Protein backbone atom coordinates (compact mmCIF):
# COMPACT_ATOMS: atom_id res chain seq x y z
CA MET A 1 2.06 -8.97 -13.03
CA SER A 2 3.95 -7.86 -9.71
CA LEU A 3 2.98 -7.51 -5.90
CA VAL A 4 3.85 -4.61 -4.29
CA VAL A 5 3.42 -3.98 -0.63
CA VAL A 6 2.85 0.10 -0.09
CA LYS A 7 3.25 1.45 3.36
CA VAL A 8 1.91 4.87 4.05
CA GLY A 9 3.14 6.85 7.45
CA THR A 10 0.90 8.98 10.05
CA SER A 11 2.21 12.07 8.77
CA SER A 12 1.39 11.61 5.10
CA ILE A 13 -2.36 11.09 5.71
CA THR A 14 -2.95 13.26 8.60
CA GLN A 15 -3.08 17.10 8.94
CA PRO A 16 -1.10 18.85 11.81
CA SER A 17 -4.09 18.79 14.09
CA GLY A 18 -4.25 14.78 13.93
CA ALA A 19 -7.04 14.85 11.35
CA LEU A 20 -7.40 12.47 8.53
CA ASP A 21 -6.47 14.42 5.43
CA ASP A 22 -9.23 13.86 2.77
CA ALA A 23 -7.11 14.97 -0.18
CA ALA A 24 -4.01 12.87 0.67
CA LEU A 25 -6.32 9.80 1.50
CA ALA A 26 -8.05 10.14 -1.95
CA LYS A 27 -5.01 10.43 -3.65
CA LEU A 28 -3.34 7.31 -2.15
CA CYS A 29 -6.37 5.21 -2.68
CA ALA A 30 -6.34 6.46 -6.65
CA ASP A 31 -2.84 5.47 -6.81
CA LEU A 32 -3.52 2.21 -5.36
CA ALA A 33 -6.50 1.77 -8.01
CA ASP A 34 -4.29 2.56 -10.67
CA ALA A 35 -1.80 -0.13 -9.72
CA ARG A 36 -4.57 -2.70 -9.47
CA ALA A 37 -6.06 -1.70 -13.15
CA ALA A 38 -2.45 -2.23 -14.35
CA GLY A 39 -2.85 -5.80 -13.23
CA HIS A 40 -0.50 -5.70 -10.05
CA ASP A 41 -1.56 -6.98 -6.70
CA VAL A 42 -1.54 -4.37 -3.91
CA VAL A 43 -1.23 -4.71 -0.02
CA LEU A 44 -1.68 -1.59 2.00
CA VAL A 45 0.15 -1.14 5.40
CA SER A 46 -1.09 2.09 6.93
CA SER A 47 -0.38 3.98 10.03
CA GLY A 48 -2.46 6.59 11.44
CA ALA A 49 -4.66 4.90 14.33
CA ILE A 50 -2.87 6.39 17.18
CA ALA A 51 -2.96 10.03 15.46
CA VAL A 52 -6.86 9.63 14.62
CA GLY A 53 -7.43 8.12 18.20
CA LEU A 54 -5.67 11.08 19.74
CA LEU A 55 -8.23 13.71 18.08
CA LYS A 56 -10.90 11.82 18.97
CA LEU A 57 -10.09 11.58 22.54
CA GLY A 58 -9.03 15.27 22.82
CA LEU A 59 -5.46 14.58 23.56
CA SER A 60 -2.82 16.68 22.35
CA ARG A 61 0.18 14.58 22.57
CA ARG A 62 0.99 10.80 22.17
CA PRO A 63 0.79 9.21 25.64
CA ARG A 64 3.67 7.45 26.84
CA ASP A 65 2.41 4.32 28.71
CA ILE A 66 1.42 1.40 27.15
CA GLY A 67 -2.19 1.21 28.37
CA THR A 68 -3.17 4.71 27.16
CA LEU A 69 -1.61 4.27 23.84
CA GLN A 70 -3.42 0.79 23.29
CA ALA A 71 -6.83 2.82 24.19
CA VAL A 72 -5.99 5.57 21.92
CA ALA A 73 -5.11 2.88 18.70
CA ALA A 74 -8.70 0.95 19.65
CA VAL A 75 -10.27 4.34 19.05
CA GLY A 76 -8.67 5.24 16.02
CA GLN A 77 -8.25 2.20 14.20
CA PRO A 78 -12.05 1.96 13.27
CA ARG A 79 -12.28 5.50 12.15
CA LEU A 80 -9.04 4.73 9.85
CA MET A 81 -10.50 1.71 8.30
CA GLU A 82 -13.75 3.36 7.70
CA ARG A 83 -12.12 6.20 5.85
CA LEU A 84 -9.94 4.06 3.61
CA ARG A 85 -12.81 2.05 2.60
CA ASP A 86 -14.85 5.16 1.96
CA GLU A 87 -12.12 5.99 -0.22
CA LEU A 88 -11.62 2.75 -2.50
CA VAL A 89 -15.50 2.35 -2.69
CA PRO A 90 -15.79 4.78 -5.72
CA HIS A 91 -12.59 2.28 -7.58
CA GLY A 92 -14.80 -0.77 -7.04
CA ILE A 93 -12.28 -2.10 -4.68
CA VAL A 94 -12.86 -3.80 -1.51
CA ALA A 95 -10.69 -3.17 1.22
CA GLY A 96 -10.17 -5.85 4.08
CA GLN A 97 -8.34 -5.44 7.60
CA VAL A 98 -5.73 -7.76 8.81
CA LEU A 99 -4.05 -7.10 12.33
CA VAL A 100 -0.80 -8.34 12.96
CA THR A 101 2.27 -8.07 15.23
CA PRO A 102 6.08 -9.16 14.89
CA PHE A 103 5.20 -12.16 16.97
CA ASP A 104 3.16 -13.48 14.17
CA PHE A 105 6.14 -13.69 11.93
CA GLY A 106 8.33 -15.53 14.15
CA HIS A 107 6.13 -18.87 14.40
CA ARG A 108 5.48 -21.17 11.59
CA SER A 109 2.01 -21.97 11.97
CA GLN A 110 1.02 -18.61 12.46
CA TYR A 111 3.10 -17.19 9.67
CA LEU A 112 1.77 -19.79 7.44
CA HIS A 113 -1.60 -18.76 8.41
CA ALA A 114 -0.91 -15.18 7.74
CA ARG A 115 0.37 -15.79 4.53
CA ALA A 116 -2.98 -18.22 3.38
CA THR A 117 -5.03 -15.23 4.52
CA LEU A 118 -3.49 -12.58 2.55
CA ARG A 119 -2.99 -14.45 -0.63
CA ARG A 120 -6.77 -15.67 -0.54
CA LEU A 121 -8.11 -12.24 0.14
CA LEU A 122 -6.03 -11.00 -3.29
CA ASP A 123 -7.29 -14.16 -4.99
CA LEU A 124 -10.96 -12.74 -3.87
CA GLY A 125 -10.03 -9.15 -5.62
CA VAL A 126 -9.88 -7.83 -1.83
CA LEU A 127 -7.10 -5.11 -1.17
CA PRO A 128 -5.88 -6.18 2.14
CA VAL A 129 -5.19 -3.22 4.63
CA VAL A 130 -2.49 -4.26 7.20
CA ASN A 131 -2.05 -2.54 10.63
CA GLU A 132 0.37 -3.22 13.75
CA ASN A 133 -2.63 -4.67 16.11
CA ASP A 134 -1.83 -1.79 18.41
CA THR A 135 -4.49 -2.89 21.05
CA VAL A 136 -2.85 -5.71 22.01
CA ALA A 137 0.83 -5.29 21.17
CA ASP A 138 3.51 -4.94 23.82
CA ASP A 139 6.92 -4.00 23.15
CA GLU A 140 6.33 -3.34 19.23
CA ILE A 141 3.76 -0.51 20.02
CA ARG A 142 6.47 1.40 21.98
CA TYR A 143 7.92 1.91 18.48
CA GLY A 144 4.77 1.85 16.75
CA ASP A 145 6.69 0.37 13.50
CA ASN A 146 4.64 -0.11 10.83
CA ASP A 147 7.58 0.26 8.65
CA ARG A 148 9.08 -3.07 10.15
CA ILE A 149 5.54 -4.87 9.85
CA ALA A 150 5.53 -3.80 6.33
CA ALA A 151 9.03 -5.40 5.52
CA LEU A 152 7.83 -8.52 7.40
CA VAL A 153 4.53 -8.24 5.21
CA ALA A 154 6.94 -7.91 2.16
CA ASN A 155 8.56 -11.24 2.83
CA LEU A 156 5.63 -12.88 3.91
CA VAL A 157 3.58 -12.48 0.83
CA ARG A 158 6.94 -12.69 -1.69
CA ALA A 159 6.48 -9.08 -2.64
CA ASP A 160 8.46 -7.96 -5.70
CA VAL A 161 8.35 -4.48 -4.36
CA LEU A 162 8.07 -2.58 -1.01
CA LEU A 163 6.96 1.12 -1.65
CA LEU A 164 7.68 3.01 1.88
CA LEU A 165 5.48 6.43 1.69
CA THR A 166 6.52 9.45 3.49
CA ASP A 167 6.21 13.38 3.32
CA THR A 168 9.77 13.73 1.94
CA ALA A 169 11.24 12.60 -1.68
CA GLY A 170 13.44 9.87 -0.13
CA LEU A 171 16.63 9.81 1.42
CA PHE A 172 18.67 12.50 1.48
CA THR A 173 22.36 13.01 1.89
CA ALA A 174 21.52 15.44 4.94
CA ASP A 175 18.31 16.41 6.35
CA PRO A 176 16.80 18.79 3.84
CA ARG A 177 14.77 20.66 6.22
CA LEU A 178 18.18 22.00 7.86
CA ASP A 179 20.66 21.91 4.68
CA GLU A 180 19.73 23.58 1.84
CA GLY A 181 22.69 21.46 -0.11
CA ALA A 182 21.05 17.96 0.84
CA SER A 183 20.54 15.96 -2.37
CA LEU A 184 18.40 12.78 -2.91
CA ILE A 185 20.25 9.31 -2.87
CA GLU A 186 18.71 7.70 -5.91
CA GLU A 187 19.97 4.16 -5.37
CA ILE A 188 21.44 2.29 -2.40
CA VAL A 189 23.28 -1.08 -3.21
CA GLU A 190 23.92 -1.92 0.53
CA VAL A 191 22.60 -0.31 3.77
CA ASP A 192 25.63 0.48 5.85
CA HIS A 193 26.27 2.26 9.09
CA ALA A 194 27.14 5.67 7.14
CA LEU A 195 23.65 5.55 5.52
CA GLU A 196 21.96 5.05 8.64
CA ALA A 197 23.54 7.72 10.33
CA VAL A 198 22.29 10.13 7.49
CA ALA A 199 19.01 8.89 8.03
CA GLY A 200 18.83 9.89 11.43
CA GLY A 201 15.94 9.77 14.22
CA ARG A 202 12.59 10.00 14.79
CA GLY A 203 10.26 11.60 12.58
CA THR A 204 7.07 13.72 13.67
CA GLU A 205 5.34 13.77 17.07
CA ARG A 206 2.30 12.42 15.58
CA GLY A 207 4.25 9.58 14.05
CA SER A 208 6.94 7.07 15.56
CA GLY A 209 8.80 6.05 12.40
CA GLY A 210 10.88 8.72 10.47
CA MET A 211 13.80 8.00 7.85
CA ALA A 212 15.60 5.61 9.96
CA SER A 213 12.69 3.29 10.23
CA LYS A 214 11.95 3.24 6.68
CA LEU A 215 15.96 3.05 5.87
CA ALA A 216 15.94 -0.19 8.39
CA ALA A 217 12.60 -1.40 6.82
CA ALA A 218 14.14 -1.29 3.30
CA LYS A 219 17.35 -3.13 4.70
CA MET A 220 14.91 -5.77 5.98
CA ALA A 221 13.57 -6.09 2.55
CA SER A 222 16.87 -6.02 0.76
CA TRP A 223 17.60 -9.13 2.69
CA SER A 224 14.50 -11.11 2.23
CA GLY A 225 15.07 -10.54 -1.76
CA VAL A 226 12.39 -7.55 -2.19
CA ARG A 227 13.45 -4.36 -3.97
CA ALA A 228 12.64 -1.37 -1.63
CA VAL A 229 11.47 2.29 -2.57
CA ILE A 230 11.40 5.42 -0.46
CA ALA A 231 9.59 7.95 -2.03
CA ALA A 232 6.93 10.89 -1.32
CA THR A 233 3.27 10.24 -0.98
CA ASP A 234 2.10 13.13 -3.21
CA GLU A 235 4.84 12.14 -5.99
CA PRO A 236 2.23 11.64 -8.93
CA GLY A 237 1.36 8.01 -9.76
CA VAL A 238 3.90 6.89 -7.56
CA VAL A 239 2.82 3.29 -6.79
CA VAL A 240 3.09 2.69 -10.55
CA ARG A 241 6.00 4.27 -11.09
CA ALA A 242 7.77 2.36 -8.29
CA LEU A 243 6.19 -0.86 -9.89
CA ASP A 244 7.71 -0.24 -13.35
CA GLY A 245 11.07 0.66 -12.12
CA GLN A 246 10.85 4.59 -13.20
CA PRO A 247 12.94 6.72 -11.37
CA VAL A 248 11.14 7.56 -8.11
CA GLY A 249 12.51 8.41 -4.56
CA THR A 250 15.28 6.08 -3.31
CA VAL A 251 15.65 2.42 -4.44
CA VAL A 252 17.26 -0.13 -2.18
CA ARG A 253 18.58 -2.88 -4.08
CA PRO A 254 17.41 -6.53 -3.21
CA ARG A 255 20.59 -8.55 -1.89
CA ALA A 256 21.51 -11.67 -3.59
CA THR A 257 21.36 -13.65 -0.68
CA ARG A 258 18.20 -14.00 1.08
CA LEU A 259 17.34 -14.84 4.70
CA SER A 260 14.30 -16.81 5.70
CA SER A 261 11.31 -15.42 7.21
CA ARG A 262 12.31 -16.65 10.52
CA LYS A 263 15.79 -15.38 10.51
CA LEU A 264 14.44 -12.12 9.01
CA TRP A 265 12.42 -11.75 12.16
CA ILE A 266 15.23 -12.66 14.67
CA ALA A 267 17.37 -10.44 12.90
CA PHE A 268 15.37 -7.47 12.61
CA ALA A 269 12.08 -7.57 14.32
CA ARG A 270 13.27 -8.80 17.73
CA ALA A 271 15.27 -6.60 20.23
CA ALA A 272 18.20 -8.11 22.04
CA ALA A 273 17.82 -8.48 25.64
CA GLY A 274 21.33 -9.29 26.27
CA ARG A 275 24.77 -10.01 24.71
CA VAL A 276 26.82 -13.08 24.99
CA GLU A 277 30.86 -12.69 24.23
CA VAL A 278 32.59 -15.72 22.65
CA ASP A 279 36.33 -16.45 21.51
CA ALA A 280 37.90 -16.56 18.48
CA GLY A 281 37.26 -20.28 17.87
CA ALA A 282 33.38 -19.86 18.32
CA ARG A 283 33.18 -16.84 16.16
CA ASP A 284 34.80 -19.13 13.07
CA ALA A 285 32.83 -21.95 13.89
CA LEU A 286 29.32 -19.68 13.67
CA VAL A 287 30.73 -17.29 10.44
CA ARG A 288 32.42 -20.23 8.68
CA ALA A 289 31.10 -23.46 9.10
CA ASN A 290 27.57 -22.62 10.14
CA ARG A 291 27.51 -24.44 13.86
CA SER A 292 25.39 -23.84 16.50
CA LEU A 293 26.83 -21.74 19.46
CA LEU A 294 28.32 -24.32 22.34
CA ALA A 295 28.86 -23.36 26.01
CA ALA A 296 32.51 -24.29 25.49
CA GLY A 297 32.93 -20.98 23.43
CA VAL A 298 31.06 -18.45 25.47
CA ARG A 299 33.54 -16.05 27.48
CA GLY A 300 31.01 -13.56 29.04
CA VAL A 301 27.39 -12.90 29.53
CA ASP A 302 26.02 -9.35 29.93
CA GLY A 303 22.18 -8.65 30.42
CA ALA A 304 19.15 -10.24 32.31
CA PHE A 305 17.75 -12.12 29.19
CA SER A 306 15.42 -15.29 29.64
CA VAL A 307 15.07 -18.63 27.49
CA GLU A 308 14.27 -17.64 24.30
CA ASP A 309 14.90 -14.13 24.40
CA ALA A 310 16.95 -12.78 21.50
CA VAL A 311 20.73 -11.92 22.30
CA GLU A 312 23.80 -10.20 20.10
CA ILE A 313 26.73 -12.46 19.76
CA ALA A 314 29.88 -10.36 19.87
CA GLY A 315 33.39 -11.66 19.03
CA PRO A 316 36.63 -11.17 21.23
CA ASP A 317 36.87 -7.78 19.83
CA GLY A 318 33.53 -6.84 21.32
CA ARG A 319 31.74 -6.16 18.26
CA PRO A 320 28.36 -7.94 17.73
CA PHE A 321 28.65 -10.25 14.65
CA ALA A 322 25.45 -12.43 14.85
CA LYS A 323 22.11 -12.55 16.75
CA GLY A 324 20.04 -15.54 17.85
CA LEU A 325 17.44 -16.99 20.25
CA VAL A 326 19.10 -18.14 23.12
CA ARG A 327 18.53 -21.47 25.17
CA TYR A 328 19.50 -20.29 28.57
CA ASP A 329 18.61 -17.42 30.66
CA ALA A 330 21.64 -15.29 31.82
CA PRO A 331 22.44 -16.67 35.17
CA ALA A 332 22.50 -20.33 34.03
CA LEU A 333 24.26 -19.33 31.00
CA ARG A 334 26.80 -17.56 33.47
CA ARG A 335 27.22 -21.00 35.32
CA VAL A 336 28.10 -22.77 32.17
CA ALA A 337 29.88 -20.45 30.20
CA GLY A 338 33.36 -21.99 28.90
CA LEU A 339 32.13 -25.62 30.01
CA ARG A 340 32.63 -28.44 27.20
CA SER A 341 29.31 -30.40 26.12
CA ALA A 342 30.45 -33.40 28.14
CA ASP A 343 30.66 -31.38 31.31
CA LEU A 344 27.22 -29.86 31.25
CA PRO A 345 25.06 -30.36 33.98
CA ASP A 346 22.25 -33.31 33.13
CA GLY A 347 19.33 -31.94 31.40
CA ALA A 348 21.11 -28.88 30.12
CA PRO A 349 20.84 -27.73 26.67
CA PRO A 350 24.02 -28.71 24.43
CA GLU A 351 23.24 -25.52 22.25
CA VAL A 352 23.26 -21.97 23.71
CA VAL A 353 22.09 -20.58 20.44
CA HIS A 354 20.93 -23.53 17.78
CA ARG A 355 22.03 -22.86 14.21
CA ASP A 356 18.52 -22.65 13.13
CA ASP A 357 18.02 -19.68 15.48
CA LEU A 358 21.08 -17.72 14.78
CA VAL A 359 21.54 -14.85 12.30
CA VAL A 360 25.22 -13.87 11.07
CA LEU A 361 25.22 -10.19 10.38
CA PRO A 362 27.07 -8.21 7.95
């Protein structure tokens, strides 16, 4: 038996008007039921709350301000959950809603509590429906990135497969809407900058992800040892086929070396608030010796970050090679940059970024 996290995007389950697409929802729920009937555990991550809320409130465009977005999500979320429940009931499936934000994955007690809740729901035969908690999220809702949430959930529940469902057959060599010669990329061993460039930017007006967001989520899953599949929602039997390893969509292989949940969160779920430039010696200590970053190795500070913010760490060539949670705010770090530990002011943290809060990136 395998465990799959299935994420479905807004454009895959709504009509151009923003109304929920009944046929698409019915097909999705039938696919989920087939996977469960085959003995697999399933967790669903569903977008669409904001699109549904826009329609209910008579708004034609996605608002830009955070307060209105949260209000729209509050209206749309219950309706989305109600429709999913209605489609699952004929299959004898009980759905349970779980609301999360990326913040929940970065704190150990919250992380363990979320894992226990999801595991217990699965043990009880419930199909968990996970959504970003749009009504209270702050920075995250600006991206509305349920693809990222799905990758974090896949790590959380130790899934075997992350299935990212969208309105295209997978990742293509170019945008198939613009280039007739574009071909499907069937398998990816390593997500690199070239592939990220191919993925492009944002998707639809009603949604907020697009292929770039899905590729980023697949990369996160790969780094946590989970096989990721990007495929079309309307592909016949897509969930079972992805679980069985049959040819469908674009497959991103899991990496042999896995990041812990906390380091996955630091690397991919926290936006960098600034940059710290270090010398060659500090770079070697971080990359080769798994050391913490000390003030002596800091050569430059860029940005207006606070304590515990995420920062990029760049070498002498200016290229970021790591990311971590900083123990100084920007003004304080500028004052101690280059100082040996023995010369730091009383009470100053010995580490700028502790190795437990640091991720070396490819």
